[in-house]
């Protein structure tokens, strides 16, 4: 484990109520923080390229990464990492899923996907009632 991750774990242990705030996937940090692993210098993971690669894969296949910077200040981690979201946006734009590589386009697509999900769930319930 890198020294930086060890520091993060110690900082998290000091938070009295970690992650109690509901995580909102549209609540994104306005900029990459000083420890962001997505910074060109590797940020908190500058000594751990393998973990940085795993983050890149997870951001596209698993979930949105939240920003760890608040933990170093004793606060809950409740915003999406700017670097992680930028990575997602670039990928989904290059694949044609997003029309533009912007937060606004991401939010519009998120709303569209949620509506489709709700309709599919509603249609499924209707089929089961009949």
C-alpha atoms as a PDB file:
ATOM      1  CA  UNK A   1       0.000   0.000   0.000  1.00  0.00           C
ATOM      2  CA  UNK A   2       1.330   3.464  -0.850  1.00  0.00           C
ATOM      3  CA  UNK A   3       2.218   5.928   1.892  1.00  0.00           C
ATOM      4  CA  UNK A   4      -0.427   8.321   0.573  1.00  0.00           C
ATOM      5  CA  UNK A   5      -3.198   5.737   0.831  1.00  0.00           C
ATOM      6  CA  UNK A   6      -2.064   4.953   4.367  1.00  0.00           C
ATOM      7  CA  UNK A   7      -2.360   8.686   5.186  1.00  0.00           C
ATOM      8  CA  UNK A   8      -5.855   8.708   3.690  1.00  0.00           C
ATOM      9  CA  UNK A   9      -6.957   5.744   5.790  1.00  0.00           C
ATOM     10  CA  UNK A  10      -5.679   7.454   8.947  1.00  0.00           C
ATOM     11  CA  UNK A  11      -7.520  10.663   8.017  1.00  0.00           C
ATOM     12  CA  UNK A  12     -10.746   8.722   7.405  1.00  0.00           C
ATOM     13  CA  UNK A  13     -10.474   7.085  10.825  1.00  0.00           C
ATOM     14  CA  UNK A  14     -10.667  10.550  12.431  1.00  0.00           C
ATOM     15  CA  UNK A  15     -13.973  11.428  10.749  1.00  0.00           C
ATOM     16  CA  UNK A  16     -16.741  11.043  13.303  1.00  0.00           C
ATOM     17  CA  UNK A  17     -19.519  10.348  10.783  1.00  0.00           C
ATOM     18  CA  UNK A  18     -18.006   9.328   7.433  1.00  0.00           C
ATOM     19  CA  UNK A  19     -20.155   9.269   4.326  1.00  0.00           C
ATOM     20  CA  UNK A  20     -23.468   9.889   6.083  1.00  0.00           C
ATOM     21  CA  UNK A  21     -24.394  12.419   3.402  1.00  0.00           C
ATOM     22  CA  UNK A  22     -26.240  10.808   0.479  1.00  0.00           C
ATOM     23  CA  UNK A  23     -23.887  10.422  -2.455  1.00  0.00           C
ATOM     24  CA  UNK A  24     -25.201  12.257  -5.521  1.00  0.00           C
ATOM     25  CA  UNK A  25     -23.610  11.142  -8.797  1.00  0.00           C
ATOM     26  CA  UNK A  26     -24.247  14.598 -10.275  1.00  0.00           C
ATOM     27  CA  UNK A  27     -22.487  16.440  -7.430  1.00  0.00           C
ATOM     28  CA  UNK A  28     -18.984  16.760  -8.898  1.00  0.00           C
ATOM     29  CA  UNK A  29     -15.945  18.602  -7.583  1.00  0.00           C
ATOM     30  CA  UNK A  30     -15.438  21.810  -9.597  1.00  0.00           C
ATOM     31  CA  UNK A  31     -11.733  21.040 -10.189  1.00  0.00           C
ATOM     32  CA  UNK A  32      -9.184  18.307  -9.576  1.00  0.00           C
ATOM     33  CA  UNK A  33      -7.922  18.534  -6.002  1.00  0.00           C
ATOM     34  CA  UNK A  34      -4.238  18.553  -5.020  1.00  0.00           C
ATOM     35  CA  UNK A  35      -4.275  14.811  -4.269  1.00  0.00           C
ATOM     36  CA  UNK A  36      -6.308  13.748  -7.326  1.00  0.00           C
ATOM     37  CA  UNK A  37      -4.913  10.544  -8.864  1.00  0.00           C
ATOM     38  CA  UNK A  38      -6.089  11.857 -12.255  1.00  0.00           C
ATOM     39  CA  UNK A  39      -3.651  14.790 -12.160  1.00  0.00           C
ATOM     40  CA  UNK A  40      -0.800  14.573 -14.652  1.00  0.00           C
ATOM     41  CA  UNK A  41       1.623  14.047 -11.741  1.00  0.00           C
ATOM     42  CA  UNK A  42      -0.464  11.153 -10.359  1.00  0.00           C
ATOM     43  CA  UNK A  43      -1.558  13.018  -7.229  1.00  0.00           C
ATOM     44  CA  UNK A  44      -2.012  10.740  -4.225  1.00  0.00           C
ATOM     45  CA  UNK A  45      -1.108   7.707  -6.337  1.00  0.00           C
ATOM     46  CA  UNK A  46       2.037   9.105  -7.936  1.00  0.00           C
ATOM     47  CA  UNK A  47       3.955   6.138  -6.523  1.00  0.00           C
ATOM     48  CA  UNK A  48       1.320   3.543  -7.478  1.00  0.00           C
ATOM     49  CA  UNK A  49       0.596   3.362 -11.237  1.00  0.00           C
ATOM     50  CA  UNK A  50      -1.110  -0.032 -10.871  1.00  0.00           C
ATOM     51  CA  UNK A  51      -3.782   1.446  -8.581  1.00  0.00           C
ATOM     52  CA  UNK A  52      -4.220   4.377 -10.989  1.00  0.00           C
ATOM     53  CA  UNK A  53      -4.880   1.909 -13.813  1.00  0.00           C
ATOM     54  CA  UNK A  54      -7.414   0.047 -11.651  1.00  0.00           C
ATOM     55  CA  UNK A  55      -9.197   3.340 -10.937  1.00  0.00           C
ATOM     56  CA  UNK A  56      -9.430   4.059 -14.661  1.00  0.00           C
ATOM     57  CA  UNK A  57     -11.071   0.699 -15.295  1.00  0.00           C
ATOM     58  CA  UNK A  58     -13.407   0.980 -12.299  1.00  0.00           C
ATOM     59  CA  UNK A  59     -14.560   4.452 -13.371  1.00  0.00           C
ATOM     60  CA  UNK A  60     -15.850   2.931 -16.612  1.00  0.00           C
ATOM     61  CA  UNK A  61     -17.113  -0.433 -15.403  1.00  0.00           C
ATOM     62  CA  UNK A  62     -18.117  -0.119 -11.762  1.00  0.00           C
ATOM     63  CA  UNK A  63     -18.942   3.280 -10.309  1.00  0.00           C
ATOM     64  CA  UNK A  64     -18.114   6.939 -10.071  1.00  0.00           C
ATOM     65  CA  UNK A  65     -15.100   7.614  -7.881  1.00  0.00           C
ATOM     66  CA  UNK A  66     -15.688  10.044  -5.047  1.00  0.00           C
ATOM     67  CA  UNK A  67     -13.118  12.687  -4.127  1.00  0.00           C
ATOM     68  CA  UNK A  68     -10.948  11.823  -1.147  1.00  0.00           C
ATOM     69  CA  UNK A  69      -9.704  15.361  -0.452  1.00  0.00           C
ATOM     70  CA  UNK A  70     -12.423  16.135   2.148  1.00  0.00           C
ATOM     71  CA  UNK A  71     -11.256  13.182   4.290  1.00  0.00           C
ATOM     72  CA  UNK A  72      -7.886  14.879   4.757  1.00  0.00           C
ATOM     73  CA  UNK A  73      -9.821  17.799   6.311  1.00  0.00           C
ATOM     74  CA  UNK A  74     -11.994  15.547   8.497  1.00  0.00           C
ATOM     75  CA  UNK A  75     -15.077  15.872   6.284  1.00  0.00           C
ATOM     76  CA  UNK A  76     -17.259  13.298   4.552  1.00  0.00           C
ATOM     77  CA  UNK A  77     -16.369  12.248   1.008  1.00  0.00           C
ATOM     78  CA  UNK A  78     -19.578  13.119  -0.817  1.00  0.00           C
ATOM     79  CA  UNK A  79     -18.631  14.572  -4.200  1.00  0.00           C
ATOM     80  CA  UNK A  80     -17.620  12.832  -7.387  1.00  0.00           C
ATOM     81  CA  UNK A  81     -13.948  13.168  -8.229  1.00  0.00           C
ATOM     82  CA  UNK A  82     -13.455  15.719 -11.021  1.00  0.00           C
ATOM     83  CA  UNK A  83     -10.707  13.652 -12.627  1.00  0.00           C
ATOM     84  CA  UNK A  84     -12.794  10.490 -12.575  1.00  0.00           C
ATOM     85  CA  UNK A  85     -15.792  12.260 -14.120  1.00  0.00           C
ATOM     86  CA  UNK A  86     -13.584  13.816 -16.815  1.00  0.00           C
ATOM     87  CA  UNK A  87     -12.295  10.324 -17.639  1.00  0.00           C
ATOM     88  CA  UNK A  88     -15.861   8.992 -17.904  1.00  0.00           C
ATOM     89  CA  UNK A  89     -17.027  11.916 -20.029  1.00  0.00           C
ATOM     90  CA  UNK A  90     -14.113  11.590 -22.458  1.00  0.00           C
ATOM     91  CA  UNK A  91     -14.731   7.860 -22.875  1.00  0.00           C
ATOM     92  CA  UNK A  92     -18.496   8.094 -23.334  1.00  0.00           C
ATOM     93  CA  UNK A  93     -18.133  11.002 -25.776  1.00  0.00           C
ATOM     94  CA  UNK A  94     -15.526   9.147 -27.841  1.00  0.00           C
ATOM     95  CA  UNK A  95     -17.827   6.097 -27.965  1.00  0.00           C
ATOM     96  CA  UNK A  96     -20.736   8.219 -29.231  1.00  0.00           C
ATOM     97  CA  UNK A  97     -22.871   7.816 -26.101  1.00  0.00           C
ATOM     98  CA  UNK A  98     -22.543  11.524 -25.220  1.00  0.00           C
ATOM     99  CA  UNK A  99     -23.007  14.194 -27.884  1.00  0.00           C
ATOM    100  CA  UNK A 100     -20.492  16.552 -26.235  1.00  0.00           C
ATOM    101  CA  UNK A 101     -17.790  16.000 -23.580  1.00  0.00           C
ATOM    102  CA  UNK A 102     -19.453  18.245 -20.973  1.00  0.00           C
ATOM    103  CA  UNK A 103     -21.064  17.980 -17.556  1.00  0.00           C
ATOM    104  CA  UNK A 104     -24.285  19.369 -19.026  1.00  0.00           C
ATOM    105  CA  UNK A 105     -24.430  16.597 -21.620  1.00  0.00           C
ATOM    106  CA  UNK A 106     -23.655  14.014 -18.898  1.00  0.00           C
ATOM    107  CA  UNK A 107     -26.540  15.328 -16.755  1.00  0.00           C
ATOM    108  CA  UNK A 108     -28.961  15.284 -19.699  1.00  0.00           C
ATOM    109  CA  UNK A 109     -27.986  11.716 -20.601  1.00  0.00           C
ATOM    110  CA  UNK A 110     -28.301  10.693 -16.926  1.00  0.00           C
ATOM    111  CA  UNK A 111     -31.855  12.091 -16.838  1.00  0.00           C
ATOM    112  CA  UNK A 112     -32.689  10.282 -20.109  1.00  0.00           C
ATOM    113  CA  UNK A 113     -31.358   6.973 -18.773  1.00  0.00           C
ATOM    114  CA  UNK A 114     -33.316   7.380 -15.526  1.00  0.00           C
ATOM    115  CA  UNK A 115     -36.549   7.989 -17.480  1.00  0.00           C
ATOM    116  CA  UNK A 116     -35.938   4.897 -19.600  1.00  0.00           C
ATOM    117  CA  UNK A 117     -35.249   2.887 -16.462  1.00  0.00           C
ATOM    118  CA  UNK A 118     -38.466   4.085 -14.805  1.00  0.00           C
ATOM    119  CA  UNK A 119     -40.478   3.285 -17.951  1.00  0.00           C
ATOM    120  CA  UNK A 120     -38.940  -0.187 -18.198  1.00  0.00           C
ATOM    121  CA  UNK A 121     -39.737  -0.862 -14.537  1.00  0.00           C
ATOM    122  CA  UNK A 122     -43.288   0.403 -15.031  1.00  0.00           C
ATOM    123  CA  UNK A 123     -43.763  -1.754 -18.151  1.00  0.00           C
ATOM    124  CA  UNK A 124     -42.416  -4.773 -16.252  1.00  0.00           C
ATOM    125  CA  UNK A 125     -44.850  -4.197 -13.380  1.00  0.00           C
ATOM    126  CA  UNK A 126     -47.747  -3.859 -15.861  1.00  0.00           C
ATOM    127  CA  UNK A 127     -46.810  -7.195 -17.449  1.00  0.00           C
ATOM    128  CA  UNK A 128     -46.735  -8.916 -14.075  1.00  0.00           C
ATOM    129  CA  UNK A 129     -50.122  -7.558 -13.033  1.00  0.00           C
ATOM    130  CA  UNK A 130     -51.929  -8.829 -16.117  1.00  0.00           C
END
